[in-house]
Amino acid sequence: MNVVYRYSHKDGEAVILSSCRELYNEILEVISSVDCDIHKTKISEEKTMRGRILYSPILLNAAFQREFQSRGWKYDVRIAADLPEYGYSGFRAMDYVKGKLGVEVQFGKYSFMVYNVAAKMTIFHNQGIIDAGVEIVPAKVFAQEMSTGVSYFEQFVWDLKHRGVADIDIPVLVLGIGI
């Protein structure tokens, strides 16, 4: 796989390149190490693509996990999200963290991409775990080879550009990946 698009939210690319270039290079190595062709195994049962062989987000996520962990990234980093006064006990998790850089790999619905950048990364920053983040998402041409409903870089970036940058946002680099 490779990076086909980049979008720098709140100067994410400049911040990451100046403060953790080695980690950024590791992320690029991870992406290029994932052989997506071996993960095109899902046989669609959806009406609009019945019988088509698609990329499996489950297998792709597992491949990313192996590659990140083999480079020493912490996986599934959790923080408590408890509100005992309301009887709520839970957690928030970030896919990968190394140094002060957080990474989310998202092959799911659009709402998860927005949540990762606009909420979760800010929460992890406020807890002192990360200073910046990277969101890895499929480019449209890649997402079209997955189940319907998988969001993609182009629509995500359009929304981020039109939303604007909020005071609470942290620097994030969005990477659109493809085959």
N, C-alpha and C. Protein backbone atom coordinates (compact mmCIF):
# COMPACT_ATOMS: atom_id res chain seq x y z
N MET A 1 0.84 -1.16 0.00
CA MET A 1 0.00 0.00 0.00
C MET A 1 0.89 1.23 0.00
N ASN A 2 0.29 2.36 -0.35
CA ASN A 2 1.05 3.59 -0.33
C ASN A 2 0.15 4.78 0.00
N VAL A 3 0.80 5.88 0.36
CA VAL A 3 0.08 7.11 0.65
C VAL A 3 -0.18 7.81 -0.67
N VAL A 4 -1.46 8.09 -0.95
CA VAL A 4 -1.80 8.79 -2.19
C VAL A 4 -2.20 10.23 -1.93
N TYR A 5 -2.63 10.52 -0.70
CA TYR A 5 -3.02 11.88 -0.33
C TYR A 5 -2.59 12.18 1.10
N ARG A 6 -2.34 13.47 1.36
CA ARG A 6 -2.03 13.96 2.71
C ARG A 6 -2.86 15.21 2.95
N TYR A 7 -3.35 15.35 4.16
CA TYR A 7 -4.03 16.58 4.55
C TYR A 7 -3.56 16.95 5.95
N SER A 8 -3.08 18.17 6.08
CA SER A 8 -2.55 18.65 7.34
C SER A 8 -3.60 19.49 8.04
N HIS A 9 -4.11 18.98 9.16
CA HIS A 9 -5.10 19.68 9.97
C HIS A 9 -4.36 20.35 11.12
N LYS A 10 -4.54 21.64 11.27
CA LYS A 10 -3.87 22.46 12.30
C LYS A 10 -2.35 22.25 12.25
N ASP A 11 -1.80 22.34 11.04
CA ASP A 11 -0.35 22.22 10.81
C ASP A 11 0.20 20.87 11.24
N GLY A 12 -0.62 19.83 11.17
CA GLY A 12 -0.20 18.50 11.61
C GLY A 12 1.07 18.00 10.95
N GLU A 13 1.16 18.16 9.64
CA GLU A 13 2.34 17.65 8.94
C GLU A 13 3.61 18.36 9.40
N ALA A 14 3.58 19.67 9.49
CA ALA A 14 4.77 20.43 9.91
C ALA A 14 5.16 20.07 11.35
N VAL A 15 4.19 19.95 12.23
CA VAL A 15 4.48 19.61 13.62
C VAL A 15 5.10 18.22 13.72
N ILE A 16 4.52 17.27 13.01
CA ILE A 16 5.01 15.89 13.07
C ILE A 16 6.40 15.79 12.45
N LEU A 17 6.62 16.44 11.33
CA LEU A 17 7.93 16.38 10.70
C LEU A 17 9.01 17.06 11.54
N SER A 18 8.63 18.09 12.27
CA SER A 18 9.65 18.79 13.08
C SER A 18 9.91 18.11 14.42
N SER A 19 8.88 17.45 14.98
CA SER A 19 9.06 16.89 16.33
C SER A 19 9.23 15.38 16.37
N CYS A 20 8.78 14.68 15.35
CA CYS A 20 8.90 13.21 15.39
C CYS A 20 8.98 12.62 13.98
N ARG A 21 9.94 13.09 13.23
CA ARG A 21 10.14 12.63 11.85
C ARG A 21 10.40 11.12 11.79
N GLU A 22 11.17 10.59 12.76
CA GLU A 22 11.47 9.16 12.76
C GLU A 22 10.20 8.32 12.90
N LEU A 23 9.29 8.77 13.76
CA LEU A 23 8.03 8.06 13.93
C LEU A 23 7.19 8.16 12.66
N TYR A 24 7.20 9.31 12.04
CA TYR A 24 6.48 9.48 10.77
C TYR A 24 7.04 8.52 9.72
N ASN A 25 8.37 8.42 9.66
CA ASN A 25 8.98 7.48 8.71
C ASN A 25 8.57 6.04 9.01
N GLU A 26 8.44 5.69 10.29
CA GLU A 26 7.97 4.35 10.65
C GLU A 26 6.54 4.13 10.16
N ILE A 27 5.70 5.14 10.28
CA ILE A 27 4.32 5.03 9.81
C ILE A 27 4.31 4.76 8.30
N LEU A 28 5.14 5.48 7.57
CA LEU A 28 5.23 5.25 6.12
C LEU A 28 5.72 3.84 5.81
N GLU A 29 6.67 3.34 6.61
CA GLU A 29 7.15 1.96 6.45
C GLU A 29 6.03 0.96 6.69
N VAL A 30 5.25 1.20 7.74
CA VAL A 30 4.13 0.32 8.04
C VAL A 30 3.17 0.26 6.86
N ILE A 31 2.79 1.42 6.36
CA ILE A 31 1.85 1.46 5.24
C ILE A 31 2.40 0.71 4.04
N SER A 32 3.65 0.94 3.70
CA SER A 32 4.22 0.27 2.52
C SER A 32 4.44 -1.22 2.75
N SER A 33 4.50 -1.65 4.02
CA SER A 33 4.70 -3.06 4.33
C SER A 33 3.42 -3.90 4.22
N VAL A 34 2.27 -3.24 4.27
CA VAL A 34 1.01 -3.99 4.22
C VAL A 34 0.70 -4.34 2.77
N ASP A 35 0.68 -5.63 2.49
CA ASP A 35 0.35 -6.14 1.15
C ASP A 35 -1.16 -6.32 1.08
N CYS A 36 -1.83 -5.34 0.52
CA CYS A 36 -3.30 -5.37 0.54
C CYS A 36 -3.86 -6.48 -0.34
N ASP A 37 -3.14 -6.90 -1.36
CA ASP A 37 -3.67 -7.93 -2.27
C ASP A 37 -4.04 -9.23 -1.55
N ILE A 38 -3.27 -9.60 -0.52
CA ILE A 38 -3.57 -10.85 0.18
C ILE A 38 -4.78 -10.71 1.09
N HIS A 39 -5.27 -9.46 1.24
CA HIS A 39 -6.43 -9.22 2.11
C HIS A 39 -7.71 -8.96 1.31
N LYS A 40 -7.67 -9.26 0.03
CA LYS A 40 -8.87 -9.13 -0.81
C LYS A 40 -9.54 -10.51 -0.82
N THR A 41 -10.26 -10.77 0.27
CA THR A 41 -10.80 -12.11 0.50
C THR A 41 -12.28 -12.13 0.84
N LYS A 42 -12.84 -10.96 1.07
CA LYS A 42 -14.23 -10.89 1.53
C LYS A 42 -15.18 -11.00 0.33
N ILE A 43 -16.08 -11.97 0.39
CA ILE A 43 -17.06 -12.13 -0.69
C ILE A 43 -18.32 -11.38 -0.28
N SER A 44 -18.66 -10.38 -1.06
CA SER A 44 -19.77 -9.51 -0.71
C SER A 44 -21.11 -10.22 -0.82
N GLU A 45 -21.96 -9.92 0.15
CA GLU A 45 -23.34 -10.40 0.12
C GLU A 45 -24.30 -9.22 -0.03
N GLU A 46 -23.74 -8.03 -0.27
CA GLU A 46 -24.57 -6.84 -0.43
C GLU A 46 -25.25 -6.85 -1.80
N LYS A 47 -26.45 -6.32 -1.85
CA LYS A 47 -27.22 -6.32 -3.09
C LYS A 47 -26.47 -5.72 -4.26
N THR A 48 -25.82 -4.59 -4.01
CA THR A 48 -25.19 -3.88 -5.12
C THR A 48 -23.87 -4.49 -5.58
N MET A 49 -23.32 -5.43 -4.82
CA MET A 49 -22.06 -6.06 -5.22
C MET A 49 -22.00 -7.54 -4.87
N ARG A 50 -23.12 -8.18 -4.91
CA ARG A 50 -23.18 -9.60 -4.53
C ARG A 50 -22.15 -10.42 -5.33
N GLY A 51 -21.35 -11.18 -4.58
CA GLY A 51 -20.36 -12.07 -5.18
C GLY A 51 -19.02 -11.43 -5.47
N ARG A 52 -18.91 -10.11 -5.38
CA ARG A 52 -17.64 -9.44 -5.64
C ARG A 52 -16.66 -9.71 -4.51
N ILE A 53 -15.42 -9.87 -4.87
CA ILE A 53 -14.37 -10.07 -3.87
C ILE A 53 -13.83 -8.70 -3.48
N LEU A 54 -13.88 -8.41 -2.17
CA LEU A 54 -13.53 -7.10 -1.64
C LEU A 54 -12.39 -7.21 -0.63
N TYR A 55 -11.79 -6.07 -0.32
CA TYR A 55 -10.78 -6.04 0.73
C TYR A 55 -11.47 -6.21 2.08
N SER A 56 -10.85 -6.96 2.95
CA SER A 56 -11.39 -7.21 4.28
C SER A 56 -10.81 -6.22 5.28
N PRO A 57 -11.63 -5.29 5.79
CA PRO A 57 -11.11 -4.36 6.80
C PRO A 57 -10.57 -5.07 8.04
N ILE A 58 -11.15 -6.19 8.41
CA ILE A 58 -10.67 -6.94 9.57
C ILE A 58 -9.24 -7.43 9.34
N LEU A 59 -8.99 -8.01 8.18
CA LEU A 59 -7.65 -8.50 7.87
C LEU A 59 -6.66 -7.36 7.68
N LEU A 60 -7.10 -6.26 7.07
CA LEU A 60 -6.23 -5.10 6.90
C LEU A 60 -5.83 -4.53 8.26
N ASN A 61 -6.79 -4.40 9.17
CA ASN A 61 -6.48 -3.90 10.50
C ASN A 61 -5.49 -4.82 11.22
N ALA A 62 -5.66 -6.13 11.06
CA ALA A 62 -4.74 -7.08 11.68
C ALA A 62 -3.33 -6.93 11.11
N ALA A 63 -3.23 -6.69 9.81
CA ALA A 63 -1.93 -6.50 9.18
C ALA A 63 -1.26 -5.22 9.70
N PHE A 64 -2.04 -4.14 9.84
CA PHE A 64 -1.49 -2.91 10.40
C PHE A 64 -1.04 -3.14 11.84
N GLN A 65 -1.82 -3.88 12.60
CA GLN A 65 -1.46 -4.14 13.98
C GLN A 65 -0.13 -4.88 14.07
N ARG A 66 0.05 -5.91 13.26
CA ARG A 66 1.33 -6.65 13.26
C ARG A 66 2.49 -5.73 12.94
N GLU A 67 2.32 -4.90 11.90
CA GLU A 67 3.41 -4.03 11.46
C GLU A 67 3.75 -2.96 12.50
N PHE A 68 2.73 -2.33 13.08
CA PHE A 68 2.99 -1.32 14.10
C PHE A 68 3.64 -1.95 15.33
N GLN A 69 3.10 -3.05 15.81
CA GLN A 69 3.65 -3.68 17.01
C GLN A 69 5.07 -4.18 16.79
N SER A 70 5.39 -4.64 15.60
CA SER A 70 6.75 -5.11 15.34
C SER A 70 7.76 -3.97 15.40
N ARG A 71 7.28 -2.74 15.34
CA ARG A 71 8.14 -1.56 15.43
C ARG A 71 8.06 -0.90 16.81
N GLY A 72 7.45 -1.58 17.76
CA GLY A 72 7.42 -1.09 19.13
C GLY A 72 6.32 -0.11 19.48
N TRP A 73 5.31 0.03 18.62
CA TRP A 73 4.19 0.90 18.94
C TRP A 73 3.27 0.19 19.93
N LYS A 74 2.78 0.93 20.92
CA LYS A 74 1.79 0.38 21.85
C LYS A 74 0.46 0.30 21.13
N TYR A 75 -0.22 -0.81 21.32
CA TYR A 75 -1.51 -1.05 20.67
C TYR A 75 -2.65 -0.95 21.68
N ASP A 76 -3.76 -0.40 21.24
CA ASP A 76 -4.98 -0.33 22.05
C ASP A 76 -4.71 0.37 23.38
N VAL A 77 -4.16 1.57 23.28
CA VAL A 77 -3.84 2.36 24.47
C VAL A 77 -5.14 2.92 25.03
N ARG A 78 -5.41 2.60 26.29
CA ARG A 78 -6.70 2.94 26.89
C ARG A 78 -6.56 3.95 28.03
N ILE A 79 -7.59 4.77 28.14
CA ILE A 79 -7.73 5.65 29.29
C ILE A 79 -9.13 5.43 29.86
N ALA A 80 -9.25 5.59 31.16
CA ALA A 80 -10.55 5.41 31.81
C ALA A 80 -11.48 6.54 31.40
N ALA A 81 -12.73 6.19 31.21
CA ALA A 81 -13.77 7.17 30.88
C ALA A 81 -14.94 6.94 31.84
N ASP A 82 -14.66 7.14 33.11
CA ASP A 82 -15.65 6.82 34.15
C ASP A 82 -16.40 8.07 34.61
N LEU A 83 -17.68 7.90 34.83
CA LEU A 83 -18.52 8.92 35.45
C LEU A 83 -19.34 8.22 36.53
N PRO A 84 -18.73 7.96 37.70
CA PRO A 84 -19.42 7.19 38.74
C PRO A 84 -20.73 7.82 39.19
N GLU A 85 -20.80 9.15 39.14
CA GLU A 85 -22.03 9.80 39.58
C GLU A 85 -23.22 9.47 38.68
N TYR A 86 -22.93 8.95 37.47
CA TYR A 86 -23.98 8.53 36.54
C TYR A 86 -24.01 7.01 36.36
N GLY A 87 -23.20 6.32 37.13
CA GLY A 87 -23.14 4.87 37.02
C GLY A 87 -22.47 4.39 35.74
N TYR A 88 -21.61 5.24 35.16
CA TYR A 88 -20.95 4.88 33.90
C TYR A 88 -19.49 4.55 34.14
N SER A 89 -19.06 3.44 33.60
CA SER A 89 -17.66 3.06 33.65
C SER A 89 -17.28 2.55 32.27
N GLY A 90 -16.26 3.12 31.70
CA GLY A 90 -15.84 2.69 30.37
C GLY A 90 -14.41 3.12 30.10
N PHE A 91 -14.07 3.19 28.82
CA PHE A 91 -12.73 3.60 28.43
C PHE A 91 -12.76 4.18 27.02
N ARG A 92 -11.70 4.84 26.67
CA ARG A 92 -11.44 5.29 25.31
C ARG A 92 -10.12 4.65 24.92
N ALA A 93 -10.01 4.24 23.67
CA ALA A 93 -8.80 3.57 23.21
C ALA A 93 -8.29 4.21 21.92
N MET A 94 -6.97 4.31 21.84
CA MET A 94 -6.32 4.76 20.61
C MET A 94 -5.58 3.57 20.03
N ASP A 95 -5.63 3.44 18.71
CA ASP A 95 -5.03 2.28 18.06
C ASP A 95 -3.55 2.12 18.42
N TYR A 96 -2.74 3.17 18.18
CA TYR A 96 -1.30 3.05 18.38
C TYR A 96 -0.74 4.34 18.96
N VAL A 97 0.22 4.19 19.85
CA VAL A 97 0.92 5.34 20.42
C VAL A 97 2.39 4.98 20.55
N LYS A 98 3.23 5.92 20.16
CA LYS A 98 4.68 5.79 20.38
C LYS A 98 5.21 7.21 20.58
N GLY A 99 6.04 7.37 21.58
CA GLY A 99 6.46 8.72 21.92
C GLY A 99 5.20 9.50 22.29
N LYS A 100 5.03 10.65 21.70
CA LYS A 100 3.84 11.46 21.95
C LYS A 100 2.99 11.58 20.68
N LEU A 101 3.07 10.54 19.83
CA LEU A 101 2.31 10.53 18.58
C LEU A 101 1.28 9.41 18.62
N GLY A 102 0.04 9.75 18.32
CA GLY A 102 -1.04 8.77 18.27
C GLY A 102 -1.44 8.49 16.83
N VAL A 103 -1.82 7.25 16.58
CA VAL A 103 -2.23 6.85 15.23
C VAL A 103 -3.54 6.08 15.31
N GLU A 104 -4.46 6.44 14.44
CA GLU A 104 -5.70 5.71 14.26
C GLU A 104 -5.74 5.21 12.81
N VAL A 105 -6.09 3.94 12.63
CA VAL A 105 -6.30 3.36 11.31
C VAL A 105 -7.79 3.11 11.20
N GLN A 106 -8.43 3.71 10.20
CA GLN A 106 -9.88 3.65 10.13
C GLN A 106 -10.39 3.18 8.77
N PHE A 107 -10.98 1.99 8.78
CA PHE A 107 -11.63 1.44 7.58
C PHE A 107 -13.13 1.30 7.83
N GLY A 108 -13.67 2.18 8.63
CA GLY A 108 -15.07 2.07 9.02
C GLY A 108 -15.90 3.24 8.53
N LYS A 109 -16.93 3.49 9.26
CA LYS A 109 -17.89 4.53 8.92
C LYS A 109 -17.28 5.92 9.12
N TYR A 110 -17.87 6.86 8.41
CA TYR A 110 -17.42 8.24 8.44
C TYR A 110 -17.39 8.82 9.85
N SER A 111 -18.41 8.51 10.63
CA SER A 111 -18.50 9.10 11.97
C SER A 111 -17.29 8.75 12.84
N PHE A 112 -16.69 7.58 12.62
CA PHE A 112 -15.53 7.20 13.40
C PHE A 112 -14.31 8.06 13.05
N MET A 113 -14.17 8.41 11.76
CA MET A 113 -13.05 9.26 11.35
C MET A 113 -13.15 10.62 12.02
N VAL A 114 -14.33 11.20 11.97
CA VAL A 114 -14.55 12.52 12.57
C VAL A 114 -14.33 12.45 14.07
N TYR A 115 -14.86 11.43 14.72
CA TYR A 115 -14.69 11.29 16.16
C TYR A 115 -13.21 11.19 16.53
N ASN A 116 -12.46 10.40 15.77
CA ASN A 116 -11.03 10.23 16.06
C ASN A 116 -10.31 11.57 16.10
N VAL A 117 -10.51 12.40 15.08
CA VAL A 117 -9.77 13.65 14.96
C VAL A 117 -10.37 14.76 15.81
N ALA A 118 -11.69 14.87 15.82
CA ALA A 118 -12.34 16.01 16.48
C ALA A 118 -12.58 15.79 17.97
N ALA A 119 -12.48 14.56 18.45
CA ALA A 119 -12.76 14.31 19.87
C ALA A 119 -11.67 13.45 20.52
N LYS A 120 -11.50 12.24 20.04
CA LYS A 120 -10.60 11.30 20.73
C LYS A 120 -9.16 11.79 20.83
N MET A 121 -8.62 12.33 19.74
CA MET A 121 -7.23 12.79 19.79
C MET A 121 -7.07 13.97 20.75
N THR A 122 -8.09 14.82 20.82
CA THR A 122 -8.06 15.93 21.77
C THR A 122 -8.08 15.40 23.20
N ILE A 123 -8.90 14.41 23.46
CA ILE A 123 -8.97 13.81 24.80
C ILE A 123 -7.62 13.21 25.18
N PHE A 124 -7.01 12.46 24.28
CA PHE A 124 -5.71 11.85 24.57
C PHE A 124 -4.63 12.92 24.76
N HIS A 125 -4.74 14.02 24.04
CA HIS A 125 -3.83 15.14 24.23
C HIS A 125 -4.03 15.76 25.62
N ASN A 126 -5.28 15.98 25.98
CA ASN A 126 -5.58 16.58 27.29
C ASN A 126 -5.13 15.69 28.45
N GLN A 127 -5.03 14.38 28.21
CA GLN A 127 -4.54 13.45 29.23
C GLN A 127 -3.01 13.32 29.22
N GLY A 128 -2.34 14.08 28.34
CA GLY A 128 -0.88 14.08 28.28
C GLY A 128 -0.28 12.88 27.57
N ILE A 129 -1.07 12.17 26.79
CA ILE A 129 -0.58 10.96 26.12
C ILE A 129 0.01 11.26 24.74
N ILE A 130 -0.61 12.18 24.01
CA ILE A 130 -0.11 12.53 22.68
C ILE A 130 -0.03 14.04 22.53
N ASP A 131 0.83 14.47 21.61
CA ASP A 131 0.92 15.88 21.23
C ASP A 131 0.33 16.11 19.84
N ALA A 132 0.34 15.06 19.01
CA ALA A 132 -0.16 15.15 17.64
C ALA A 132 -0.69 13.77 17.23
N GLY A 133 -1.41 13.75 16.11
CA GLY A 133 -1.98 12.49 15.66
C GLY A 133 -1.90 12.29 14.16
N VAL A 134 -2.02 11.04 13.78
CA VAL A 134 -2.10 10.66 12.37
C VAL A 134 -3.33 9.79 12.21
N GLU A 135 -4.15 10.13 11.24
CA GLU A 135 -5.35 9.35 10.91
C GLU A 135 -5.10 8.72 9.54
N ILE A 136 -5.10 7.39 9.47
CA ILE A 136 -4.87 6.66 8.22
C ILE A 136 -6.22 6.14 7.73
N VAL A 137 -6.61 6.58 6.53
CA VAL A 137 -7.91 6.24 5.98
C VAL A 137 -7.75 5.86 4.50
N PRO A 138 -8.70 5.10 3.95
CA PRO A 138 -8.59 4.77 2.54
C PRO A 138 -8.95 5.96 1.64
N ALA A 139 -8.27 6.06 0.52
CA ALA A 139 -8.69 6.99 -0.53
C ALA A 139 -9.95 6.41 -1.18
N LYS A 140 -10.71 7.22 -1.87
CA LYS A 140 -11.99 6.78 -2.43
C LYS A 140 -11.82 5.55 -3.33
N VAL A 141 -10.83 5.56 -4.18
CA VAL A 141 -10.65 4.44 -5.12
C VAL A 141 -10.41 3.13 -4.36
N PHE A 142 -9.77 3.20 -3.21
CA PHE A 142 -9.53 2.01 -2.37
C PHE A 142 -10.81 1.63 -1.63
N ALA A 143 -11.50 2.61 -1.07
CA ALA A 143 -12.73 2.34 -0.33
C ALA A 143 -13.80 1.72 -1.22
N GLN A 144 -13.78 2.02 -2.50
CA GLN A 144 -14.76 1.44 -3.42
C GLN A 144 -14.56 -0.06 -3.61
N GLU A 145 -13.44 -0.57 -3.14
CA GLU A 145 -13.16 -2.00 -3.21
C GLU A 145 -13.42 -2.67 -1.86
N MET A 146 -14.17 -1.97 -0.99
CA MET A 146 -14.57 -2.51 0.31
C MET A 146 -16.09 -2.49 0.37
N SER A 147 -16.64 -2.95 1.47
CA SER A 147 -18.09 -2.93 1.65
C SER A 147 -18.62 -1.51 1.55
N THR A 148 -19.90 -1.38 1.20
CA THR A 148 -20.50 -0.05 1.16
C THR A 148 -20.51 0.53 2.57
N GLY A 149 -20.43 1.82 2.64
CA GLY A 149 -20.44 2.49 3.93
C GLY A 149 -19.07 2.82 4.48
N VAL A 150 -18.01 2.27 3.89
CA VAL A 150 -16.67 2.62 4.33
C VAL A 150 -16.38 4.03 3.83
N SER A 151 -15.99 4.88 4.74
CA SER A 151 -15.71 6.27 4.38
C SER A 151 -14.34 6.38 3.75
N TYR A 152 -14.04 7.58 3.25
CA TYR A 152 -12.78 7.74 2.55
C TYR A 152 -12.24 9.16 2.71
N PHE A 153 -10.96 9.27 2.40
CA PHE A 153 -10.18 10.48 2.58
C PHE A 153 -10.86 11.73 2.03
N GLU A 154 -11.29 11.68 0.78
CA GLU A 154 -11.77 12.89 0.12
C GLU A 154 -12.97 13.51 0.83
N GLN A 155 -13.95 12.70 1.24
CA GLN A 155 -15.11 13.26 1.92
C GLN A 155 -14.75 13.73 3.33
N PHE A 156 -13.88 13.02 3.97
CA PHE A 156 -13.43 13.38 5.32
C PHE A 156 -12.72 14.73 5.30
N VAL A 157 -11.80 14.91 4.36
CA VAL A 157 -11.05 16.16 4.28
C VAL A 157 -11.96 17.32 3.90
N TRP A 158 -12.91 17.10 3.04
CA TRP A 158 -13.86 18.17 2.68
C TRP A 158 -14.53 18.69 3.95
N ASP A 159 -14.99 17.78 4.78
CA ASP A 159 -15.66 18.19 6.01
C ASP A 159 -14.71 18.90 6.96
N LEU A 160 -13.49 18.41 7.11
CA LEU A 160 -12.54 19.08 7.98
C LEU A 160 -12.24 20.49 7.49
N LYS A 161 -12.06 20.65 6.18
CA LYS A 161 -11.79 21.98 5.63
C LYS A 161 -12.96 22.93 5.87
N HIS A 162 -14.16 22.44 5.70
CA HIS A 162 -15.33 23.30 5.84
C HIS A 162 -15.75 23.48 7.30
N ARG A 163 -15.34 22.59 8.17
CA ARG A 163 -15.57 22.74 9.61
C ARG A 163 -14.67 23.82 10.16
N GLY A 164 -13.43 23.84 9.66
CA GLY A 164 -12.44 24.77 10.17
C GLY A 164 -11.70 24.16 11.35
N VAL A 165 -10.80 24.93 11.90
CA VAL A 165 -9.99 24.48 13.02
C VAL A 165 -10.54 25.12 14.29
N ALA A 166 -10.75 24.29 15.30
CA ALA A 166 -11.22 24.78 16.59
C ALA A 166 -10.04 24.96 17.54
N ASP A 167 -10.22 25.80 18.54
CA ASP A 167 -9.16 26.05 19.51
C ASP A 167 -8.70 24.77 20.21
N ILE A 168 -9.60 23.82 20.40
CA ILE A 168 -9.24 22.60 21.12
C ILE A 168 -8.60 21.54 20.22
N ASP A 169 -8.63 21.72 18.90
CA ASP A 169 -8.04 20.74 17.99
C ASP A 169 -6.54 20.64 18.22
N ILE A 170 -5.99 19.46 17.92
CA ILE A 170 -4.55 19.27 17.98
C ILE A 170 -4.04 19.05 16.55
N PRO A 171 -2.74 19.17 16.32
CA PRO A 171 -2.20 18.92 14.99
C PRO A 171 -2.40 17.46 14.58
N VAL A 172 -3.00 17.27 13.41
CA VAL A 172 -3.26 15.93 12.90
C VAL A 172 -2.91 15.89 11.42
N LEU A 173 -2.26 14.82 11.02
CA LEU A 173 -1.99 14.56 9.62
C LEU A 173 -2.88 13.41 9.17
N VAL A 174 -3.71 13.68 8.17
CA VAL A 174 -4.59 12.64 7.62
C VAL A 174 -3.91 12.07 6.39
N LEU A 175 -3.73 10.75 6.38
CA LEU A 175 -3.10 10.08 5.24
C LEU A 175 -4.14 9.24 4.52
N GLY A 176 -4.33 9.53 3.24
CA GLY A 176 -5.22 8.73 2.40
C GLY A 176 -4.39 7.67 1.71
N ILE A 177 -4.72 6.40 1.95
CA ILE A 177 -3.91 5.31 1.41
C ILE A 177 -4.65 4.60 0.28
N GLY A 178 -3.87 3.97 -0.57
CA GLY A 178 -4.43 3.24 -1.70
C GLY A 178 -3.53 2.12 -2.14
N ILE A 179 -3.96 1.48 -3.19
CA ILE A 179 -3.25 0.31 -3.69
C ILE A 179 -2.31 0.67 -4.82
